[in-house]
Every structure is written in structure tokens, then in C-alpha cells.
């Protein structure tokens, strides 16, 4: 925490935040739709679904070791899991995957911490072309909707057009 407020680093995936979550979400929805369509869930169905989840995570630039550990936890939980009376086998697998994804992403979502005395400083870091400027503009728009008055500052020394891009996006 600096003198002027809270510094919150935000890291973005290599292909940008929109790509990672939209692509991953679409693929997982497809996997789960196929599971839901099964009248009876077999071990082979679960294995196939987890294979597709693995591919979706890897294509979303999740590190292979993280994927390996994630799937191991899902398999471990699913192996001894009894199907609850209110859930089908597919719903149970979906719930386990959901719970483990939430855990992998850091548990429960937390609110953005604003400094007691403004300004609150947020610094976005990421690879070139990863969507930092667009994310900054989206954060600014979200803050405006929350009744805040954000100041967007471009500090990109390698891509001078980022300053103009942030200005244009910030005005939208």
C-alpha cells in the first residue's frame, strides 16, 4: 500500500481477459451440456468430460502443471462421491468442477479494495497485446457506473498509440 492509496496488481492472460474467459466458458458449457444430455453417467463419460476440460484449460493458456493438479483434485473428489438425492451424476461432476475452478482461482470473489482516502491506484501488468488497455477502460467504465470518478493514465513507453487508445476507449 502506497501513501496515496491501495495498489492492486491485476494480471491478464496472454491473449487478453476476454479471450480466456469467453473461450473457456464456451468450451466448458459444451462439455457440461453433453454430460447433462446423458441419461446415465458412466466412468467413461466422466473421463471424456475431464479430457475435454483439460484441453479447454490448456487452450486457455492455463499452465499444464496447474491443469494436472486441478484434474487430479477433481478425479479424487469425484471418485468417492456419492450422487446426492437432489443432484444427477452429471450435476455432481459439474458441481465438483465448478468448486475446484473457484478454488483454483483463489476461492471466493472479493470486492475491489478502495483506499479510505482517495486516490486508489490500480496497476495493470501483462504481456504485450494481452488486453491491459482495454481492461483498463472497462474498469474505468465499471467504476463510473459505481459512482466513482476514475482517472485513466497510460504508462506504455513501448507503444505510444496506447495513450490515444486509452483516451478513445475511456471516452466511450
Foldseek 3Di string as FASTA:
>chain_A
DDPAWAEAEDEFDPQANVCLVVQLVVQLVVLLVVLVPDPADDPVSLVVSLVSNLVSCVVSVDDNVLSVVLSVQLCVCLVPDDADPVGHNSRVSVVSNVQSVCVSVPHDDDDDDTGPHDDHHYDYDYDPNHCPLVVLLVVCVVVVVVVDHDDDDDDDPPDPCSRVVSVVSNVD
